[in-house]
């Protein structure tokens, strides 16, 4: 992943992180475009499900990594 922890902050309500700079918003937007491409790709349904599952899992693990290991995020 190419995102940087400085681009994100903790959510005020709930659990997780949210973008706080234009780079963070661009990162989320590009991630959504990639997920959309996977969904709309002319592939077998099982391949789409696996690809989307792996992609979403990677995004989830990356968010956990930012939340647990970075001390620069402030609320």
N, C-alpha and C. Protein backbone atom coordinates (compact mmCIF):
# COMPACT_ATOMS: atom_id res chain seq x y z
N UNK A 1 0.83 -1.18 0.00
CA UNK A 1 0.00 0.00 0.00
C UNK A 1 0.88 1.25 0.00
N UNK A 2 0.36 2.28 -0.61
CA UNK A 2 1.15 3.50 -0.70
C UNK A 2 0.65 4.61 0.21
N UNK A 3 -0.41 4.36 0.94
CA UNK A 3 -0.95 5.38 1.84
C UNK A 3 -0.01 5.67 2.99
N UNK A 4 -0.10 6.89 3.51
CA UNK A 4 0.73 7.28 4.64
C UNK A 4 -0.16 7.56 5.84
N UNK A 5 0.30 7.20 7.03
CA UNK A 5 -0.52 7.42 8.24
C UNK A 5 -0.89 8.88 8.48
N UNK A 6 -0.08 9.81 8.00
CA UNK A 6 -0.37 11.23 8.20
C UNK A 6 -1.63 11.66 7.46
N UNK A 7 -2.07 10.88 6.50
CA UNK A 7 -3.25 11.22 5.71
C UNK A 7 -4.54 10.88 6.42
N UNK A 8 -4.47 10.17 7.54
CA UNK A 8 -5.68 9.67 8.21
C UNK A 8 -5.72 10.11 9.67
N UNK A 9 -6.91 10.08 10.23
CA UNK A 9 -7.11 10.37 11.64
C UNK A 9 -8.14 9.37 12.19
N UNK A 10 -8.21 9.26 13.51
CA UNK A 10 -9.22 8.40 14.11
C UNK A 10 -10.60 9.01 13.92
N UNK A 11 -11.61 8.17 13.81
CA UNK A 11 -12.98 8.65 13.71
C UNK A 11 -13.40 9.22 15.05
N UNK A 12 -14.25 10.24 15.01
CA UNK A 12 -14.75 10.85 16.23
C UNK A 12 -15.73 9.91 16.92
N UNK A 13 -16.64 9.34 16.15
CA UNK A 13 -17.61 8.38 16.66
C UNK A 13 -17.36 7.05 15.97
N UNK A 14 -17.46 5.97 16.70
CA UNK A 14 -17.27 4.66 16.09
C UNK A 14 -15.83 4.21 16.16
N UNK A 15 -15.51 3.25 15.30
CA UNK A 15 -14.21 2.62 15.31
C UNK A 15 -13.58 2.75 13.94
N UNK A 16 -12.31 3.04 13.88
CA UNK A 16 -11.62 3.07 12.60
C UNK A 16 -10.92 4.39 12.35
N UNK A 17 -10.56 4.57 11.10
CA UNK A 17 -9.87 5.79 10.70
C UNK A 17 -10.62 6.41 9.54
N UNK A 18 -10.35 7.70 9.33
CA UNK A 18 -10.94 8.40 8.20
C UNK A 18 -9.90 9.36 7.63
N UNK A 19 -10.04 9.72 6.35
CA UNK A 19 -9.06 10.61 5.75
C UNK A 19 -9.15 12.02 6.35
N UNK A 20 -7.99 12.68 6.44
CA UNK A 20 -8.00 14.06 6.93
C UNK A 20 -7.32 15.01 5.96
N UNK A 21 -6.64 14.51 4.94
CA UNK A 21 -6.01 15.36 3.93
C UNK A 21 -6.54 14.97 2.56
N UNK A 22 -6.21 15.79 1.57
CA UNK A 22 -6.69 15.47 0.22
C UNK A 22 -6.07 14.17 -0.27
N UNK A 23 -4.85 13.85 0.18
CA UNK A 23 -4.23 12.59 -0.23
C UNK A 23 -4.99 11.40 0.34
N UNK A 24 -5.47 11.52 1.57
CA UNK A 24 -6.26 10.45 2.18
C UNK A 24 -7.57 10.24 1.43
N UNK A 25 -8.24 11.35 1.06
CA UNK A 25 -9.48 11.22 0.30
C UNK A 25 -9.21 10.62 -1.08
N UNK A 26 -8.11 11.01 -1.71
CA UNK A 26 -7.75 10.43 -3.01
C UNK A 26 -7.46 8.94 -2.87
N UNK A 27 -6.80 8.56 -1.80
CA UNK A 27 -6.49 7.14 -1.56
C UNK A 27 -7.77 6.32 -1.43
N UNK A 28 -8.74 6.85 -0.67
CA UNK A 28 -10.02 6.16 -0.51
C UNK A 28 -10.75 6.10 -1.85
N UNK A 29 -10.76 7.19 -2.60
CA UNK A 29 -11.43 7.24 -3.90
C UNK A 29 -10.83 6.22 -4.87
N UNK A 30 -9.52 6.16 -4.94
CA UNK A 30 -8.86 5.19 -5.84
C UNK A 30 -9.17 3.76 -5.39
N UNK A 31 -9.20 3.52 -4.09
CA UNK A 31 -9.55 2.19 -3.59
C UNK A 31 -10.96 1.81 -4.01
N UNK A 32 -11.88 2.77 -3.96
CA UNK A 32 -13.25 2.49 -4.39
C UNK A 32 -13.31 2.21 -5.89
N UNK A 33 -12.52 2.92 -6.67
CA UNK A 33 -12.48 2.68 -8.11
C UNK A 33 -11.95 1.27 -8.40
N UNK A 34 -10.91 0.87 -7.69
CA UNK A 34 -10.35 -0.48 -7.89
C UNK A 34 -11.39 -1.53 -7.53
N UNK A 35 -12.11 -1.34 -6.43
CA UNK A 35 -13.16 -2.29 -6.05
C UNK A 35 -14.25 -2.33 -7.12
N UNK A 36 -14.62 -1.18 -7.67
CA UNK A 36 -15.61 -1.13 -8.73
C UNK A 36 -15.16 -1.84 -9.99
N UNK A 37 -13.88 -1.69 -10.33
CA UNK A 37 -13.34 -2.38 -11.50
C UNK A 37 -13.40 -3.89 -11.30
N UNK A 38 -13.07 -4.33 -10.09
CA UNK A 38 -13.14 -5.77 -9.80
C UNK A 38 -14.58 -6.27 -9.96
N UNK A 39 -15.54 -5.50 -9.44
CA UNK A 39 -16.94 -5.91 -9.51
C UNK A 39 -17.45 -5.94 -10.95
N UNK A 40 -17.05 -4.96 -11.75
CA UNK A 40 -17.56 -4.85 -13.12
C UNK A 40 -16.75 -5.64 -14.14
N UNK A 41 -15.64 -6.23 -13.74
CA UNK A 41 -14.79 -6.98 -14.67
C UNK A 41 -15.54 -8.19 -15.22
N UNK A 42 -15.30 -8.51 -16.48
CA UNK A 42 -15.97 -9.68 -17.07
C UNK A 42 -15.28 -10.98 -16.67
N UNK A 43 -15.41 -11.32 -15.40
CA UNK A 43 -14.80 -12.52 -14.86
C UNK A 43 -15.89 -13.42 -14.28
N UNK A 44 -15.53 -14.65 -14.02
CA UNK A 44 -16.45 -15.56 -13.36
C UNK A 44 -16.77 -15.02 -11.95
N UNK A 45 -17.96 -15.29 -11.47
CA UNK A 45 -18.40 -14.77 -10.18
C UNK A 45 -17.48 -15.19 -9.05
N UNK A 46 -17.01 -16.42 -9.07
CA UNK A 46 -16.14 -16.90 -8.00
C UNK A 46 -14.80 -16.14 -8.00
N UNK A 47 -14.30 -15.81 -9.20
CA UNK A 47 -13.04 -15.05 -9.29
C UNK A 47 -13.25 -13.65 -8.75
N UNK A 48 -14.38 -13.03 -9.09
CA UNK A 48 -14.68 -11.69 -8.57
C UNK A 48 -14.77 -11.70 -7.05
N UNK A 49 -15.45 -12.72 -6.51
CA UNK A 49 -15.60 -12.79 -5.06
C UNK A 49 -14.25 -12.93 -4.37
N UNK A 50 -13.39 -13.79 -4.89
CA UNK A 50 -12.06 -13.97 -4.30
C UNK A 50 -11.23 -12.69 -4.41
N UNK A 51 -11.22 -12.09 -5.59
CA UNK A 51 -10.43 -10.87 -5.80
C UNK A 51 -10.91 -9.74 -4.90
N UNK A 52 -12.22 -9.55 -4.81
CA UNK A 52 -12.76 -8.49 -3.96
C UNK A 52 -12.51 -8.79 -2.49
N UNK A 53 -12.62 -10.05 -2.09
CA UNK A 53 -12.34 -10.43 -0.71
C UNK A 53 -10.89 -10.17 -0.31
N UNK A 54 -9.99 -10.52 -1.20
CA UNK A 54 -8.56 -10.27 -0.94
C UNK A 54 -8.28 -8.78 -0.87
N UNK A 55 -8.87 -8.01 -1.79
CA UNK A 55 -8.65 -6.56 -1.81
C UNK A 55 -9.20 -5.90 -0.55
N UNK A 56 -10.42 -6.23 -0.17
CA UNK A 56 -11.03 -5.64 1.03
C UNK A 56 -10.28 -6.09 2.28
N UNK A 57 -9.84 -7.34 2.32
CA UNK A 57 -9.04 -7.82 3.44
C UNK A 57 -7.74 -7.06 3.58
N UNK A 58 -7.09 -6.77 2.46
CA UNK A 58 -5.84 -6.00 2.49
C UNK A 58 -6.08 -4.59 3.00
N UNK A 59 -7.15 -3.95 2.56
CA UNK A 59 -7.48 -2.60 3.04
C UNK A 59 -7.76 -2.63 4.54
N UNK A 60 -8.50 -3.63 5.01
CA UNK A 60 -8.81 -3.76 6.43
C UNK A 60 -7.53 -3.94 7.26
N UNK A 61 -6.65 -4.83 6.81
CA UNK A 61 -5.40 -5.05 7.55
C UNK A 61 -4.52 -3.82 7.54
N UNK A 62 -4.52 -3.09 6.45
CA UNK A 62 -3.73 -1.86 6.37
C UNK A 62 -4.27 -0.82 7.36
N UNK A 63 -5.60 -0.70 7.46
CA UNK A 63 -6.19 0.24 8.42
C UNK A 63 -5.84 -0.17 9.85
N UNK A 64 -5.89 -1.46 10.14
CA UNK A 64 -5.49 -1.93 11.47
C UNK A 64 -4.03 -1.60 11.76
N UNK A 65 -3.19 -1.78 10.78
CA UNK A 65 -1.76 -1.47 10.95
C UNK A 65 -1.57 0.01 11.28
N UNK A 66 -2.26 0.89 10.57
CA UNK A 66 -2.15 2.32 10.85
C UNK A 66 -2.64 2.62 12.26
N UNK A 67 -3.78 2.05 12.64
CA UNK A 67 -4.36 2.35 13.95
C UNK A 67 -3.51 1.82 15.10
N UNK A 68 -2.88 0.69 14.94
CA UNK A 68 -2.16 0.08 16.05
C UNK A 68 -0.70 0.50 16.17
N UNK A 69 -0.07 0.86 15.07
CA UNK A 69 1.37 1.09 15.12
C UNK A 69 1.79 2.53 14.92
N UNK A 70 0.90 3.40 14.53
CA UNK A 70 1.32 4.77 14.26
C UNK A 70 0.95 5.68 15.40
N UNK A 71 1.91 6.44 15.86
CA UNK A 71 1.68 7.37 16.97
C UNK A 71 1.43 8.79 16.48
N UNK A 72 1.46 9.03 15.16
CA UNK A 72 1.27 10.38 14.66
C UNK A 72 -0.20 10.73 14.49
N UNK A 73 -1.10 9.75 14.55
CA UNK A 73 -2.52 10.04 14.39
C UNK A 73 -3.02 10.65 15.68
N UNK A 74 -3.67 11.78 15.55
CA UNK A 74 -4.28 12.44 16.71
C UNK A 74 -5.74 12.69 16.42
N UNK A 75 -6.53 12.69 17.45
CA UNK A 75 -7.97 12.93 17.23
C UNK A 75 -8.31 14.38 17.26
